[in-house]
Protein backbone atom coordinates (compact mmCIF):
# COMPACT_ATOMS: atom_id res chain seq x y z
CA UNK A 1 24.99 -15.83 -86.39
CA UNK A 2 22.01 -17.63 -87.73
CA UNK A 3 23.99 -18.49 -90.82
CA UNK A 4 26.71 -19.96 -88.71
CA UNK A 5 24.18 -22.11 -86.91
CA UNK A 6 22.67 -23.23 -90.19
CA UNK A 7 26.10 -24.16 -91.62
CA UNK A 8 26.89 -26.33 -88.59
CA UNK A 9 23.48 -27.98 -88.83
CA UNK A 10 24.15 -29.23 -92.37
CA UNK A 11 27.10 -31.31 -91.37
CA UNK A 12 25.73 -34.24 -89.46
CA UNK A 13 28.71 -36.09 -88.30
CA UNK A 14 29.96 -36.81 -84.77
CA UNK A 15 27.93 -35.09 -82.06
CA UNK A 16 25.57 -33.80 -84.71
CA UNK A 17 24.52 -37.32 -85.35
CA UNK A 18 23.13 -37.39 -81.83
CA UNK A 19 21.11 -34.30 -82.44
CA UNK A 20 23.60 -31.88 -80.96
CA UNK A 21 24.50 -28.85 -83.00
CA UNK A 22 27.81 -27.36 -81.88
CA UNK A 23 27.20 -23.99 -83.54
CA UNK A 24 23.76 -23.62 -82.08
CA UNK A 25 25.21 -24.62 -78.75
CA UNK A 26 27.87 -21.88 -79.01
CA UNK A 27 25.28 -19.31 -79.97
CA UNK A 28 23.06 -20.31 -77.09
CA UNK A 29 26.04 -20.30 -74.74
CA UNK A 30 27.09 -16.84 -75.92
CA UNK A 31 23.50 -15.57 -75.59
CA UNK A 32 23.28 -17.05 -72.10
CA UNK A 33 26.55 -15.36 -71.06
CA UNK A 34 25.42 -11.97 -72.40
CA UNK A 35 22.03 -12.26 -70.66
CA UNK A 36 23.74 -13.48 -67.47
CA UNK A 37 26.16 -10.51 -67.43
CA UNK A 38 23.33 -8.06 -68.09
CA UNK A 39 21.23 -9.62 -65.34
CA UNK A 40 24.21 -9.74 -62.99
CA UNK A 41 25.00 -6.10 -63.45
CA UNK A 42 21.50 -4.60 -63.46
CA UNK A 43 19.26 -7.21 -61.83
CA UNK A 44 21.13 -9.61 -59.55
CA UNK A 45 23.16 -6.84 -57.87
CA UNK A 46 20.18 -4.74 -56.78
CA UNK A 47 18.19 -7.87 -55.90
CA UNK A 48 21.04 -9.26 -53.77
CA UNK A 49 21.56 -5.83 -52.22
CA UNK A 50 17.86 -5.65 -51.34
CA UNK A 51 17.91 -9.21 -49.94
CA UNK A 52 20.97 -8.39 -47.80
CA UNK A 53 19.28 -5.24 -46.50
CA UNK A 54 16.17 -7.23 -45.59
CA UNK A 55 18.27 -9.96 -43.92
CA UNK A 56 20.09 -7.29 -41.87
CA UNK A 57 16.79 -5.63 -41.00
CA UNK A 58 15.34 -8.95 -39.86
CA UNK A 59 18.46 -9.78 -37.85
CA UNK A 60 18.41 -6.35 -36.19
CA UNK A 61 14.72 -6.87 -35.41
CA UNK A 62 15.50 -10.23 -33.82
CA UNK A 63 18.36 -8.67 -31.80
CA UNK A 64 16.07 -5.83 -30.77
CA UNK A 65 13.39 -8.36 -29.76
CA UNK A 66 15.93 -10.27 -27.66
CA UNK A 67 17.10 -7.03 -26.05
CA UNK A 68 13.50 -6.06 -25.34
CA UNK A 69 12.85 -9.46 -23.74
CA UNK A 70 15.91 -8.98 -21.54
CA UNK A 71 14.77 -5.43 -20.64
CA UNK A 72 11.28 -6.74 -19.92
CA UNK A 73 12.69 -9.38 -17.58
CA UNK A 74 14.86 -6.77 -15.81
CA UNK A 75 11.92 -4.39 -15.54
CA UNK A 76 9.71 -7.17 -14.15
CA UNK A 77 12.35 -7.92 -11.51
CA UNK A 78 12.63 -4.23 -10.62
CA UNK A 79 8.85 -3.91 -10.39
CA UNK A 80 8.66 -7.01 -8.17
CA UNK A 81 11.43 -5.63 -5.93
CA UNK A 82 9.70 -2.24 -5.77
CA UNK A 83 6.37 -3.86 -4.95
CA UNK A 84 8.01 -5.93 -2.20
CA UNK A 85 9.71 -2.83 -0.80
CA UNK A 86 6.43 -0.89 -0.96
CA UNK A 87 4.62 -3.74 0.84
CA UNK A 88 7.26 -3.79 3.58
CA UNK A 89 7.07 -0.02 3.98
CA UNK A 90 3.26 -0.11 4.04
CA UNK A 91 3.31 -2.89 6.65
CA UNK A 92 5.74 -0.86 8.77
CA UNK A 93 3.61 2.28 8.47
CA UNK A 94 0.52 0.27 9.37
CA UNK A 95 2.26 -1.32 12.37
CA UNK A 96 3.52 2.09 13.52
CA UNK A 97 0.03 3.56 13.14
CA UNK A 98 -1.48 0.71 15.16
CA UNK A 99 1.17 1.13 17.87
CA UNK A 100 0.52 4.88 17.95
CA UNK A 101 -3.23 4.26 18.16
CA UNK A 102 -2.74 1.80 21.03
CA UNK A 103 -0.55 4.34 22.85
CA UNK A 104 -3.13 7.09 22.33
CA UNK A 105 -5.87 4.78 23.64
CA UNK A 106 -3.74 3.77 26.64
CA UNK A 107 -2.93 7.41 27.36
CA UNK A 108 -6.61 8.35 27.05
CA UNK A 109 -7.61 5.48 29.36
CA UNK A 110 -4.93 6.48 31.86
CA UNK A 111 -6.00 10.13 31.74
CA UNK A 112 -9.63 9.08 32.07
CA UNK A 113 -8.71 6.90 35.07
CA UNK A 114 -6.84 9.77 36.72
CA UNK A 115 -9.70 12.16 35.97
CA UNK A 116 -12.23 9.63 37.29
CA UNK A 117 -10.24 9.18 40.49
CA UNK A 118 -10.06 12.97 40.90
CA UNK A 119 -13.81 13.27 40.36
CA UNK A 120 -14.52 10.45 42.84
CA UNK A 121 -12.16 11.99 45.41
CA UNK A 122 -13.81 15.39 44.93
CA UNK A 123 -17.25 13.80 45.29
CA UNK A 124 -16.15 12.08 48.53
CA UNK A 125 -14.85 15.37 49.91
CA UNK A 126 -18.06 17.12 48.90
CA UNK A 127 -20.14 14.36 50.49
CA UNK A 128 -18.11 14.61 53.71
CA UNK A 129 -18.49 18.40 53.77
CA UNK A 130 -22.21 18.15 53.06
CA UNK A 131 -22.65 15.40 55.70
CA UNK A 132 -20.76 17.47 58.30
CA UNK A 133 -22.87 20.54 57.48
CA UNK A 134 -26.08 18.50 57.67
CA UNK A 135 -24.99 16.95 61.00
CA UNK A 136 -24.26 20.40 62.41
CA UNK A 137 -27.62 21.68 61.25
CA UNK A 138 -29.31 18.56 62.58
CA UNK A 139 -27.60 19.06 65.95
CA UNK A 140 -28.78 22.70 66.05
CA UNK A 141 -32.31 21.59 65.28
CA UNK A 142 -32.01 18.83 67.85
CA UNK A 143 -30.79 21.34 70.48
CA UNK A 144 -33.78 23.54 69.66
CA UNK A 145 -36.16 20.61 69.92
CA UNK A 146 -34.63 19.43 73.20
CA UNK A 147 -34.95 22.96 74.57
CA UNK A 148 -38.60 23.09 73.50
CA UNK A 149 -39.27 19.64 75.01
CA UNK A 150 -37.53 20.47 78.28
CA UNK A 151 -39.48 23.71 78.53
CA UNK A 152 -42.69 21.79 77.94
CA UNK A 153 -41.77 19.13 80.48
CA UNK A 154 -40.48 21.46 83.17
CA UNK A 155 -43.02 24.10 82.52
CA UNK A 156 -40.67 27.04 82.50
CA UNK A 157 -37.84 28.27 80.38
CA UNK A 158 -34.38 27.32 81.48
CA UNK A 159 -31.53 29.68 81.09
CA UNK A 160 -29.06 29.16 78.29
CA UNK A 161 -26.45 27.58 80.53
CA UNK A 162 -28.82 25.06 81.93
CA UNK A 163 -30.27 24.36 78.46
CA UNK A 164 -26.82 23.66 77.09
CA UNK A 165 -25.87 21.41 79.97
CA UNK A 166 -29.12 19.46 79.71
CA UNK A 167 -28.71 19.04 75.93
CA UNK A 168 -25.09 17.92 76.24
CA UNK A 169 -26.15 15.37 78.80
CA UNK A 170 -28.89 14.06 76.50
CA UNK A 171 -26.48 13.86 73.53
CA UNK A 172 -23.86 11.97 75.53
CA UNK A 173 -26.49 9.51 76.64
CA UNK A 174 -27.52 9.02 73.02
CA UNK A 175 -23.94 8.45 71.89
CA UNK A 176 -23.34 5.85 74.62
CA UNK A 177 -26.45 3.98 73.68
């Protein structure tokens, strides 16, 4: 091949006059085609295959990222809805608890009022019983004192009938006064 290129170089007419050597050009063209075919078969193919794989991997990553963003938005909405629902339920439970507490307090106050009224009524009855007993005892003591006074004034002991009549008379006089 080199000889062919040298033979074309010796004739300097036409394009050779411009510095172009047709033989050398053909040799270079043939060499370029052989190198191109070799590179295409063993280099460009695997390189293009690897580039396509990477492009597909990147595209799938972008799709996955978009899907994850959509899932994140859905999840955020679900969480917000769940939080709102939980707040509503908590508010309802709290309101129910407060209502129950108020009812328990009202019931306790009512029961305490009833119990207090019962205690006051019992105390009044006990006071009336005690006052009646004390009056009766006081009357007995008064009868004894009147009998002692009448005996001292009259100088002798009256019989029981006369004592009773005299005491009744004195008590009636006291009640009228």
